[in-house]
Amino acid sequence: MDAKEIIHCAVQIERSLADRSYGTILTLLGDLDKSQVTAEQLETTDIVKVLYRLLRSCSDDSVKQTAKGLLSKWKRQYSKGAHGVKSKEASRRVSPPHEAGDGGVSKQEDSHFEVEASCSFSSVRSKCVQLLLSALCPEPPDQHKAADLAADIEKHIHELHTPSQVKYKACVRSRVANLRNPKHKHLRQGLLSGALSPEVFSRMSAEEMAGAELRQLREEYSWRGVSERQLPRGVEGTQTQKIRCRNCGGSDCRVTQVSRGALFLPAWVRQSSPDDDSMTFVTCSGCGQQWYHSGWVCL
């Protein structure tokens, strides 16, 4: 197996790890085990780094065991002084710091990565607390209280979205943006006065955080949308059962005749001659469907 094939194999392992195709990974590891990989190829390719990333992030025990065995094999093969300086360099590439005696990733290294990830997320949480504190814009008398509020808000958001850092960060950004919005001063005032608790604030939706003006505007838009689409209580016109509705198939309809001068009619409605001074249309009493005389289905 040459260097290009090893690089291709490393890329396929990373893709299969992202897709959780552990069977494919085992096949690729088997091909590497059967091939003769030289010390120079270990130096020029990233196959060793890929295998150690595989050990850290893979949840399949058989895959991890196979990868450990392959790394141990390379270590034993190139740890001797048979290939001079290159052998030592290859051995250092195969053996990372704090390596266990069996050639796998040691518990000390695993704990190192866990501590590193924990510290990284702790810094993110501290930054979120600072963002919430700056969004509260506390005055000198309220600075200590605002700091406690920011910490409490972040704590409740973290408890609410512990499994997902993406949702955690999105929730913090939403709270910071609403606190900084000059139209949402009631949120800051409520938190500083104690009328709004940090736990309730951390669980509020976008609609609940909106100000009175925005809520009133949303209610008005909703009412307009409903009123524009609801059926009238009484359908005007002369009742007839001689026409079948094209929409619901019912025959309870009403015929209405309106003067053309009283309506603004689109061009597609003007199908009759200019001499006609009225327009006749049918309305279904069941579903509210309206259509003009050109589309009647008479019984």
C-alpha atoms as a PDB file:
ATOM      1  CA  MET A   1       0.000   0.000   0.000  1.00  0.00           C
ATOM      2  CA  ASP A   2       1.546   3.290  -1.109  1.00  0.00           C
ATOM      3  CA  ALA A   3       1.217   6.730   0.516  1.00  0.00           C
ATOM      4  CA  LYS A   4      -1.750   7.804  -1.653  1.00  0.00           C
ATOM      5  CA  GLU A   5      -3.692   4.686  -0.703  1.00  0.00           C
ATOM      6  CA  ILE A   6      -2.946   5.262   2.988  1.00  0.00           C
ATOM      7  CA  ILE A   7      -4.147   8.875   2.761  1.00  0.00           C
ATOM      8  CA  HIS A   8      -7.285   7.712   0.959  1.00  0.00           C
ATOM      9  CA  CYS A   9      -7.844   5.108   3.684  1.00  0.00           C
ATOM     10  CA  ALA A  10      -7.478   7.775   6.409  1.00  0.00           C
ATOM     11  CA  VAL A  11     -10.034   9.997   4.687  1.00  0.00           C
ATOM     12  CA  GLN A  12     -12.459   7.085   4.384  1.00  0.00           C
ATOM     13  CA  ILE A  13     -12.056   6.275   8.090  1.00  0.00           C
ATOM     14  CA  GLU A  14     -12.926   9.855   9.083  1.00  0.00           C
ATOM     15  CA  ARG A  15     -15.957   9.904   6.794  1.00  0.00           C
ATOM     16  CA  SER A  16     -17.154   6.551   8.091  1.00  0.00           C
ATOM     17  CA  LEU A  17     -16.699   7.758  11.670  1.00  0.00           C
ATOM     18  CA  ALA A  18     -18.883  10.776  10.950  1.00  0.00           C
ATOM     19  CA  ASP A  19     -21.526   8.457   9.436  1.00  0.00           C
ATOM     20  CA  ARG A  20     -21.056   5.875  12.223  1.00  0.00           C
ATOM     21  CA  SER A  21     -20.336   3.171   9.652  1.00  0.00           C
ATOM     22  CA  TYR A  22     -18.323   0.981  11.994  1.00  0.00           C
ATOM     23  CA  GLY A  23     -18.345  -2.006   9.640  1.00  0.00           C
ATOM     24  CA  THR A  24     -16.578   0.030   6.963  1.00  0.00           C
ATOM     25  CA  ILE A  25     -14.018   1.220   9.521  1.00  0.00           C
ATOM     26  CA  LEU A  26     -13.241  -2.369  10.535  1.00  0.00           C
ATOM     27  CA  THR A  27     -12.705  -3.285   6.869  1.00  0.00           C
ATOM     28  CA  LEU A  28     -10.329  -0.352   6.354  1.00  0.00           C
ATOM     29  CA  LEU A  29      -8.404  -1.174   9.530  1.00  0.00           C
ATOM     30  CA  GLY A  30      -8.093  -4.772   8.333  1.00  0.00           C
ATOM     31  CA  ASP A  31      -6.629  -3.586   5.020  1.00  0.00           C
ATOM     32  CA  LEU A  32      -4.078  -1.474   6.907  1.00  0.00           C
ATOM     33  CA  ASP A  33      -3.189  -4.411   9.129  1.00  0.00           C
ATOM     34  CA  LYS A  34      -2.548  -6.662   6.121  1.00  0.00           C
ATOM     35  CA  SER A  35      -0.446  -4.030   4.325  1.00  0.00           C
ATOM     36  CA  GLN A  36       3.197  -3.269   4.965  1.00  0.00           C
ATOM     37  CA  VAL A  37       3.293   0.344   6.179  1.00  0.00           C
ATOM     38  CA  THR A  38       6.795   1.765   6.363  1.00  0.00           C
ATOM     39  CA  ALA A  39       8.167   4.257   8.882  1.00  0.00           C
ATOM     40  CA  GLU A  40       8.447   6.881   6.159  1.00  0.00           C
ATOM     41  CA  GLN A  41       4.757   6.483   5.305  1.00  0.00           C
ATOM     42  CA  LEU A  42       3.848   6.928   8.971  1.00  0.00           C
ATOM     43  CA  GLU A  43       5.800  10.196   8.946  1.00  0.00           C
ATOM     44  CA  THR A  44       4.394  11.590   5.699  1.00  0.00           C
ATOM     45  CA  THR A  45       0.734  10.655   6.252  1.00  0.00           C
ATOM     46  CA  ASP A  46      -1.738  11.469   9.031  1.00  0.00           C
ATOM     47  CA  ILE A  47      -2.925   7.907   9.521  1.00  0.00           C
ATOM     48  CA  VAL A  48      -1.639   7.766  13.124  1.00  0.00           C
ATOM     49  CA  LYS A  49      -3.458  10.988  14.064  1.00  0.00           C
ATOM     50  CA  VAL A  50      -6.616   9.655  12.442  1.00  0.00           C
ATOM     51  CA  LEU A  51      -6.437   6.456  14.472  1.00  0.00           C
ATOM     52  CA  TYR A  52      -5.984   8.353  17.733  1.00  0.00           C
ATOM     53  CA  ARG A  53      -8.955  10.585  16.900  1.00  0.00           C
ATOM     54  CA  LEU A  54     -10.850   7.383  16.217  1.00  0.00           C
ATOM     55  CA  LEU A  55      -9.947   6.057  19.671  1.00  0.00           C
ATOM     56  CA  ARG A  56     -11.117   9.255  21.355  1.00  0.00           C
ATOM     57  CA  SER A  57     -14.455   9.659  19.596  1.00  0.00           C
ATOM     58  CA  CYS A  58     -15.577   6.155  18.556  1.00  0.00           C
ATOM     59  CA  SER A  59     -18.110   4.383  20.781  1.00  0.00           C
ATOM     60  CA  ASP A  60     -17.716   0.900  19.255  1.00  0.00           C
ATOM     61  CA  ASP A  61     -15.493  -1.343  21.360  1.00  0.00           C
ATOM     62  CA  SER A  62     -14.480  -3.652  18.511  1.00  0.00           C
ATOM     63  CA  VAL A  63     -13.312  -0.714  16.386  1.00  0.00           C
ATOM     64  CA  LYS A  64     -11.328   0.743  19.279  1.00  0.00           C
ATOM     65  CA  GLN A  65      -9.722  -2.621  20.035  1.00  0.00           C
ATOM     66  CA  THR A  66      -8.719  -3.101  16.394  1.00  0.00           C
ATOM     67  CA  ALA A  67      -7.241   0.399  16.202  1.00  0.00           C
ATOM     68  CA  LYS A  68      -5.297  -0.159  19.438  1.00  0.00           C
ATOM     69  CA  GLY A  69      -3.929  -3.425  18.085  1.00  0.00           C
ATOM     70  CA  LEU A  70      -2.801  -1.783  14.863  1.00  0.00           C
ATOM     71  CA  LEU A  71      -1.051   1.061  16.711  1.00  0.00           C
ATOM     72  CA  SER A  72       0.621  -1.449  19.034  1.00  0.00           C
ATOM     73  CA  LYS A  73       1.834  -3.442  16.036  1.00  0.00           C
ATOM     74  CA  TRP A  74       3.393  -0.355  14.447  1.00  0.00           C
ATOM     75  CA  LYS A  75       4.980   0.626  17.732  1.00  0.00           C
ATOM     76  CA  ARG A  76       6.597  -2.772  18.246  1.00  0.00           C
ATOM     77  CA  GLN A  77       7.713  -2.851  14.622  1.00  0.00           C
ATOM     78  CA  TYR A  78       9.443   0.546  14.613  1.00  0.00           C
ATOM     79  CA  SER A  79      10.431   1.013  18.252  1.00  0.00           C
ATOM     80  CA  LYS A  80      13.620  -0.986  17.694  1.00  0.00           C
ATOM     81  CA  GLY A  81      16.666   0.698  16.220  1.00  0.00           C
ATOM     82  CA  ALA A  82      16.470  -1.244  12.966  1.00  0.00           C
ATOM     83  CA  HIS A  83      15.772   1.816  10.846  1.00  0.00           C
ATOM     84  CA  GLY A  84      17.992   4.346  12.559  1.00  0.00           C
ATOM     85  CA  VAL A  85      16.746   7.874  13.165  1.00  0.00           C
ATOM     86  CA  LYS A  86      13.608   7.447  11.057  1.00  0.00           C
ATOM     87  CA  SER A  87      12.599   4.536  13.242  1.00  0.00           C
ATOM     88  CA  LYS A  88      12.749   6.713  16.370  1.00  0.00           C
ATOM     89  CA  GLU A  89      10.756   9.470  14.703  1.00  0.00           C
ATOM     90  CA  ALA A  90       8.129   6.979  13.560  1.00  0.00           C
ATOM     91  CA  SER A  91       7.975   5.501  17.043  1.00  0.00           C
ATOM     92  CA  ARG A  92       7.363   8.964  18.484  1.00  0.00           C
ATOM     93  CA  ARG A  93       4.551   9.509  15.951  1.00  0.00           C
ATOM     94  CA  VAL A  94       2.933   6.185  16.856  1.00  0.00           C
ATOM     95  CA  SER A  95       3.327   6.710  20.610  1.00  0.00           C
ATOM     96  CA  PRO A  96       1.719   9.924  21.896  1.00  0.00           C
ATOM     97  CA  PRO A  97       2.424  11.352  25.358  1.00  0.00           C
ATOM     98  CA  HIS A  98       1.162   9.336  28.359  1.00  0.00           C
ATOM     99  CA  GLU A  99       0.852   6.170  26.266  1.00  0.00           C
ATOM    100  CA  ALA A 100      -0.288   3.010  28.025  1.00  0.00           C
ATOM    101  CA  GLY A 101       1.795  -0.150  28.020  1.00  0.00           C
ATOM    102  CA  ASP A 102      -0.589  -1.971  25.669  1.00  0.00           C
ATOM    103  CA  GLY A 103      -0.172   0.571  22.865  1.00  0.00           C
ATOM    104  CA  GLY A 104      -3.647   2.138  23.296  1.00  0.00           C
ATOM    105  CA  VAL A 105      -4.765   5.501  24.622  1.00  0.00           C
ATOM    106  CA  SER A 106      -4.193   5.571  28.374  1.00  0.00           C
ATOM    107  CA  LYS A 107      -6.694   6.612  31.010  1.00  0.00           C
ATOM    108  CA  GLN A 108      -4.488   9.577  31.809  1.00  0.00           C
ATOM    109  CA  GLU A 109      -4.762  10.821  28.208  1.00  0.00           C
ATOM    110  CA  ASP A 110      -8.532  10.280  28.183  1.00  0.00           C
ATOM    111  CA  SER A 111      -8.879  12.263  31.379  1.00  0.00           C
ATOM    112  CA  HIS A 112      -6.693  14.979  29.860  1.00  0.00           C
ATOM    113  CA  PHE A 113      -9.096  15.403  26.938  1.00  0.00           C
ATOM    114  CA  GLU A 114     -12.094  15.397  29.267  1.00  0.00           C
ATOM    115  CA  VAL A 115     -10.552  18.092  31.478  1.00  0.00           C
ATOM    116  CA  GLU A 116      -9.628  20.137  28.398  1.00  0.00           C
ATOM    117  CA  ALA A 117     -13.208  19.978  27.067  1.00  0.00           C
ATOM    118  CA  SER A 118     -14.608  20.821  30.500  1.00  0.00           C
ATOM    119  CA  CYS A 119     -12.345  23.851  30.826  1.00  0.00           C
ATOM    120  CA  SER A 120     -13.288  25.013  27.340  1.00  0.00           C
ATOM    121  CA  PHE A 121     -17.007  24.874  28.101  1.00  0.00           C
ATOM    122  CA  SER A 122     -16.450  26.569  31.466  1.00  0.00           C
ATOM    123  CA  SER A 123     -14.872  29.509  29.650  1.00  0.00           C
ATOM    124  CA  VAL A 124     -17.908  29.623  27.346  1.00  0.00           C
ATOM    125  CA  ARG A 125     -20.237  29.733  30.349  1.00  0.00           C
ATOM    126  CA  SER A 126     -18.199  32.546  31.919  1.00  0.00           C
ATOM    127  CA  LYS A 127     -18.387  34.515  28.680  1.00  0.00           C
ATOM    128  CA  CYS A 128     -22.179  34.025  28.596  1.00  0.00           C
ATOM    129  CA  VAL A 129     -22.488  35.358  32.141  1.00  0.00           C
ATOM    130  CA  GLN A 130     -20.513  38.451  31.123  1.00  0.00           C
ATOM    131  CA  LEU A 131     -22.767  38.984  28.082  1.00  0.00           C
ATOM    132  CA  LEU A 132     -25.902  38.730  30.215  1.00  0.00           C
ATOM    133  CA  LEU A 133     -24.426  41.130  32.778  1.00  0.00           C
ATOM    134  CA  SER A 134     -23.549  43.703  30.119  1.00  0.00           C
ATOM    135  CA  ALA A 135     -27.056  43.365  28.619  1.00  0.00           C
ATOM    136  CA  LEU A 136     -28.620  44.161  31.994  1.00  0.00           C
ATOM    137  CA  CYS A 137     -26.739  47.513  31.998  1.00  0.00           C
ATOM    138  CA  PRO A 138     -26.780  47.844  35.794  1.00  0.00           C
ATOM    139  CA  GLU A 139     -26.368  51.159  37.543  1.00  0.00           C
ATOM    140  CA  PRO A 140     -23.745  51.409  40.327  1.00  0.00           C
ATOM    141  CA  PRO A 141     -26.243  50.540  43.116  1.00  0.00           C
ATOM    142  CA  ASP A 142     -27.493  47.455  41.219  1.00  0.00           C
ATOM    143  CA  GLN A 143     -24.192  46.051  39.943  1.00  0.00           C
ATOM    144  CA  HIS A 144     -23.831  43.351  42.604  1.00  0.00           C
ATOM    145  CA  LYS A 145     -27.472  42.327  42.232  1.00  0.00           C
ATOM    146  CA  ALA A 146     -27.170  42.277  38.432  1.00  0.00           C
ATOM    147  CA  ALA A 147     -24.114  40.010  38.654  1.00  0.00           C
ATOM    148  CA  ASP A 148     -26.080  37.515  40.745  1.00  0.00           C
ATOM    149  CA  LEU A 149     -29.001  37.732  38.314  1.00  0.00           C
ATOM    150  CA  ALA A 150     -26.751  37.065  35.302  1.00  0.00           C
ATOM    151  CA  ALA A 151     -25.228  34.030  37.027  1.00  0.00           C
ATOM    152  CA  ASP A 152     -28.675  32.677  37.979  1.00  0.00           C
ATOM    153  CA  ILE A 153     -30.032  33.165  34.454  1.00  0.00           C
ATOM    154  CA  GLU A 154     -27.050  31.355  32.938  1.00  0.00           C
ATOM    155  CA  LYS A 155     -27.390  28.546  35.478  1.00  0.00           C
ATOM    156  CA  HIS A 156     -31.059  27.938  34.605  1.00  0.00           C
ATOM    157  CA  ILE A 157     -30.320  28.086  30.857  1.00  0.00           C
ATOM    158  CA  HIS A 158     -27.520  25.561  31.318  1.00  0.00           C
ATOM    159  CA  GLU A 159     -29.809  23.218  33.268  1.00  0.00           C
ATOM    160  CA  LEU A 160     -32.456  23.581  30.571  1.00  0.00           C
ATOM    161  CA  HIS A 161     -30.128  22.852  27.614  1.00  0.00           C
ATOM    162  CA  THR A 162     -27.363  20.708  29.147  1.00  0.00           C
ATOM    163  CA  PRO A 163     -27.423  18.013  26.394  1.00  0.00           C
ATOM    164  CA  SER A 164     -27.017  20.525  23.555  1.00  0.00           C
ATOM    165  CA  GLN A 165     -24.449  23.331  23.517  1.00  0.00           C
ATOM    166  CA  VAL A 166     -25.990  24.687  20.315  1.00  0.00           C
ATOM    167  CA  LYS A 167     -29.372  25.231  21.982  1.00  0.00           C
ATOM    168  CA  TYR A 168     -27.627  26.600  25.070  1.00  0.00           C
ATOM    169  CA  LYS A 169     -25.772  29.255  23.070  1.00  0.00           C
ATOM    170  CA  ALA A 170     -28.863  30.119  21.007  1.00  0.00           C
ATOM    171  CA  CYS A 171     -30.906  30.601  24.178  1.00  0.00           C
ATOM    172  CA  VAL A 172     -28.257  32.888  25.692  1.00  0.00           C
ATOM    173  CA  ARG A 173     -28.045  34.950  22.482  1.00  0.00           C
ATOM    174  CA  SER A 174     -31.836  35.326  22.449  1.00  0.00           C
ATOM    175  CA  ARG A 175     -31.892  36.578  26.075  1.00  0.00           C
ATOM    176  CA  VAL A 176     -29.031  39.006  25.470  1.00  0.00           C
ATOM    177  CA  ALA A 177     -30.678  40.425  22.334  1.00  0.00           C
ATOM    178  CA  ASN A 178     -34.020  40.923  24.079  1.00  0.00           C
ATOM    179  CA  LEU A 179     -32.401  42.610  27.084  1.00  0.00           C
ATOM    180  CA  ARG A 180     -30.524  44.990  24.789  1.00  0.00           C
ATOM    181  CA  ASN A 181     -33.646  45.812  22.768  1.00  0.00           C
ATOM    182  CA  PRO A 182     -34.845  49.300  23.837  1.00  0.00           C
ATOM    183  CA  LYS A 183     -38.452  48.231  23.205  1.00  0.00           C
ATOM    184  CA  HIS A 184     -38.133  45.415  25.780  1.00  0.00           C
ATOM    185  CA  LYS A 185     -37.199  47.519  28.808  1.00  0.00           C
ATOM    186  CA  HIS A 186     -39.851  45.696  30.845  1.00  0.00           C
ATOM    187  CA  LEU A 187     -37.607  42.599  30.941  1.00  0.00           C
ATOM    188  CA  ARG A 188     -34.659  44.414  32.520  1.00  0.00           C
ATOM    189  CA  GLN A 189     -36.903  46.322  34.904  1.00  0.00           C
ATOM    190  CA  GLY A 190     -38.712  43.159  35.927  1.00  0.00           C
ATOM    191  CA  LEU A 191     -35.460  41.288  36.622  1.00  0.00           C
ATOM    192  CA  LEU A 192     -33.888  44.104  38.639  1.00  0.00           C
ATOM    193  CA  SER A 193     -37.082  44.765  40.603  1.00  0.00           C
ATOM    194  CA  GLY A 194     -37.666  41.100  41.358  1.00  0.00           C
ATOM    195  CA  ALA A 195     -41.014  40.914  39.571  1.00  0.00           C
ATOM    196  CA  LEU A 196     -39.498  38.543  36.991  1.00  0.00           C
ATOM    197  CA  SER A 197     -37.467  35.619  38.318  1.00  0.00           C
ATOM    198  CA  PRO A 198     -34.340  34.351  36.469  1.00  0.00           C
ATOM    199  CA  GLU A 199     -35.872  30.867  36.113  1.00  0.00           C
ATOM    200  CA  VAL A 200     -39.031  32.184  34.442  1.00  0.00           C
ATOM    201  CA  PHE A 201     -36.991  34.492  32.209  1.00  0.00           C
ATOM    202  CA  SER A 202     -34.745  31.626  31.083  1.00  0.00           C
ATOM    203  CA  ARG A 203     -37.796  29.615  29.952  1.00  0.00           C
ATOM    204  CA  MET A 204     -39.716  32.423  28.195  1.00  0.00           C
ATOM    205  CA  SER A 205     -40.430  32.117  24.481  1.00  0.00           C
ATOM    206  CA  ALA A 206     -39.900  34.906  21.953  1.00  0.00           C
ATOM    207  CA  GLU A 207     -43.610  35.768  22.046  1.00  0.00           C
ATOM    208  CA  GLU A 208     -43.596  35.997  25.851  1.00  0.00           C
ATOM    209  CA  MET A 209     -40.547  38.284  25.894  1.00  0.00           C
ATOM    210  CA  ALA A 210     -42.084  40.706  23.394  1.00  0.00           C
ATOM    211  CA  GLY A 211     -43.242  44.111  24.584  1.00  0.00           C
ATOM    212  CA  ALA A 212     -46.864  45.258  24.838  1.00  0.00           C
ATOM    213  CA  GLU A 213     -46.653  47.146  21.527  1.00  0.00           C
ATOM    214  CA  LEU A 214     -45.338  44.132  19.622  1.00  0.00           C
ATOM    215  CA  ARG A 215     -47.866  41.786  21.238  1.00  0.00           C
ATOM    216  CA  GLN A 216     -50.699  44.116  20.289  1.00  0.00           C
ATOM    217  CA  LEU A 217     -49.404  44.315  16.721  1.00  0.00           C
ATOM    218  CA  ARG A 218     -49.211  40.508  16.479  1.00  0.00           C
ATOM    219  CA  GLU A 219     -52.736  40.129  17.828  1.00  0.00           C
ATOM    220  CA  GLU A 220     -53.983  42.663  15.292  1.00  0.00           C
ATOM    221  CA  TYR A 221     -52.288  40.829  12.411  1.00  0.00           C
ATOM    222  CA  SER A 222     -53.690  37.509  13.636  1.00  0.00           C
ATOM    223  CA  TRP A 223     -57.198  38.951  13.931  1.00  0.00           C
ATOM    224  CA  ARG A 224     -56.993  40.412  10.433  1.00  0.00           C
ATOM    225  CA  GLY A 225     -55.794  37.130   8.999  1.00  0.00           C
ATOM    226  CA  VAL A 226     -58.623  35.199  10.638  1.00  0.00           C
ATOM    227  CA  SER A 227     -61.304  37.713   9.695  1.00  0.00           C
ATOM    228  CA  GLU A 228     -60.149  37.739   6.077  1.00  0.00           C
ATOM    229  CA  ARG A 229     -60.424  33.971   5.782  1.00  0.00           C
ATOM    230  CA  GLN A 230     -63.469  33.108   7.847  1.00  0.00           C
ATOM    231  CA  LEU A 231     -66.790  32.448   6.125  1.00  0.00           C
ATOM    232  CA  PRO A 232     -69.619  34.959   6.500  1.00  0.00           C
ATOM    233  CA  ARG A 233     -72.392  33.981   8.862  1.00  0.00           C
ATOM    234  CA  GLY A 234     -75.052  34.481   6.233  1.00  0.00           C
ATOM    235  CA  VAL A 235     -74.530  34.015   2.505  1.00  0.00           C
ATOM    236  CA  GLU A 236     -76.453  36.568   0.466  1.00  0.00           C
ATOM    237  CA  GLY A 237     -78.296  35.677  -2.680  1.00  0.00           C
ATOM    238  CA  THR A 238     -81.147  33.483  -3.879  1.00  0.00           C
ATOM    239  CA  GLN A 239     -81.024  29.908  -2.625  1.00  0.00           C
ATOM    240  CA  THR A 240     -80.969  27.156  -5.221  1.00  0.00           C
ATOM    241  CA  GLN A 241     -80.265  23.427  -5.368  1.00  0.00           C
ATOM    242  CA  LYS A 242     -79.886  23.280  -9.155  1.00  0.00           C
ATOM    243  CA  ILE A 243     -76.105  23.845  -9.123  1.00  0.00           C
ATOM    244  CA  ARG A 244     -73.442  21.557  -7.735  1.00  0.00           C
ATOM    245  CA  CYS A 245     -70.381  23.002  -5.989  1.00  0.00           C
ATOM    246  CA  ARG A 246     -67.094  22.171  -7.734  1.00  0.00           C
ATOM    247  CA  ASN A 247     -65.200  22.145  -4.434  1.00  0.00           C
ATOM    248  CA  CYS A 248     -67.257  20.086  -1.985  1.00  0.00           C
ATOM    249  CA  GLY A 249     -69.881  18.599  -4.295  1.00  0.00           C
ATOM    250  CA  GLY A 250     -72.810  20.062  -2.328  1.00  0.00           C
ATOM    251  CA  SER A 251     -75.926  21.466  -3.961  1.00  0.00           C
ATOM    252  CA  ASP A 252     -76.901  24.046  -1.317  1.00  0.00           C
ATOM    253  CA  CYS A 253     -75.874  27.213  -3.170  1.00  0.00           C
ATOM    254  CA  ARG A 254     -76.972  30.829  -3.530  1.00  0.00           C
ATOM    255  CA  VAL A 255     -77.020  32.879  -6.726  1.00  0.00           C
ATOM    256  CA  THR A 256     -76.134  36.578  -6.479  1.00  0.00           C
ATOM    257  CA  GLN A 257     -76.383  39.265  -9.139  1.00  0.00           C
ATOM    258  CA  VAL A 258     -74.302  42.425  -8.679  1.00  0.00           C
ATOM    259  CA  SER A 259     -74.035  45.541 -10.829  1.00  0.00           C
ATOM    260  CA  ARG A 260     -70.663  45.735 -12.543  1.00  0.00           C
ATOM    261  CA  GLY A 261     -70.412  49.417 -11.732  1.00  0.00           C
ATOM    262  CA  ALA A 262     -70.430  48.608  -8.001  1.00  0.00           C
ATOM    263  CA  LEU A 263     -67.349  46.354  -8.087  1.00  0.00           C
ATOM    264  CA  PHE A 264     -63.772  46.452  -9.249  1.00  0.00           C
ATOM    265  CA  LEU A 265     -63.484  43.323 -11.330  1.00  0.00           C
ATOM    266  CA  PRO A 266     -60.221  41.773 -12.523  1.00  0.00           C
ATOM    267  CA  ALA A 267     -59.745  41.132 -16.219  1.00  0.00           C
ATOM    268  CA  TRP A 268     -60.254  37.360 -15.946  1.00  0.00           C
ATOM    269  CA  VAL A 269     -63.811  37.966 -14.638  1.00  0.00           C
ATOM    270  CA  ARG A 270     -64.834  40.147 -17.575  1.00  0.00           C
ATOM    271  CA  GLN A 271     -65.787  37.317 -19.872  1.00  0.00           C
ATOM    272  CA  SER A 272     -69.181  38.688 -20.998  1.00  0.00           C
ATOM    273  CA  SER A 273     -69.865  41.450 -23.473  1.00  0.00           C
ATOM    274  CA  PRO A 274     -69.607  45.132 -22.459  1.00  0.00           C
ATOM    275  CA  ASP A 275     -73.375  45.434 -22.902  1.00  0.00           C
ATOM    276  CA  ASP A 276     -74.037  43.366 -19.789  1.00  0.00           C
ATOM    277  CA  ASP A 277     -74.517  45.731 -16.842  1.00  0.00           C
ATOM    278  CA  SER A 278     -74.528  43.048 -14.149  1.00  0.00           C
ATOM    279  CA  MET A 279     -72.492  40.083 -13.012  1.00  0.00           C
ATOM    280  CA  THR A 280     -73.923  36.816 -11.673  1.00  0.00           C
ATOM    281  CA  PHE A 281     -71.949  34.466  -9.403  1.00  0.00           C
ATOM    282  CA  VAL A 282     -72.711  31.484  -7.185  1.00  0.00           C
ATOM    283  CA  THR A 283     -71.644  30.943  -3.552  1.00  0.00           C
ATOM    284  CA  CYS A 284     -71.686  27.522  -1.905  1.00  0.00           C
ATOM    285  CA  SER A 285     -73.346  27.654   1.522  1.00  0.00           C
ATOM    286  CA  GLY A 286     -71.327  24.640   2.680  1.00  0.00           C
ATOM    287  CA  CYS A 287     -67.704  25.592   1.951  1.00  0.00           C
ATOM    288  CA  GLY A 288     -67.933  29.232   0.824  1.00  0.00           C
ATOM    289  CA  GLN A 289     -66.507  28.576  -2.652  1.00  0.00           C
ATOM    290  CA  GLN A 290     -67.477  31.244  -5.225  1.00  0.00           C
ATOM    291  CA  TRP A 291     -67.457  30.962  -9.006  1.00  0.00           C
ATOM    292  CA  TYR A 292     -68.947  32.750 -11.968  1.00  0.00           C
ATOM    293  CA  HIS A 293     -71.470  31.635 -14.552  1.00  0.00           C
ATOM    294  CA  SER A 294     -68.805  30.302 -16.874  1.00  0.00           C
ATOM    295  CA  GLY A 295     -67.991  27.528 -14.406  1.00  0.00           C
ATOM    296  CA  TRP A 296     -71.456  26.389 -13.372  1.00  0.00           C
ATOM    297  CA  VAL A 297     -72.238  22.709 -13.113  1.00  0.00           C
ATOM    298  CA  CYS A 298     -76.004  22.499 -13.493  1.00  0.00           C
ATOM    299  CA  LEU A 299     -77.992  19.521 -12.192  1.00  0.00           C
END
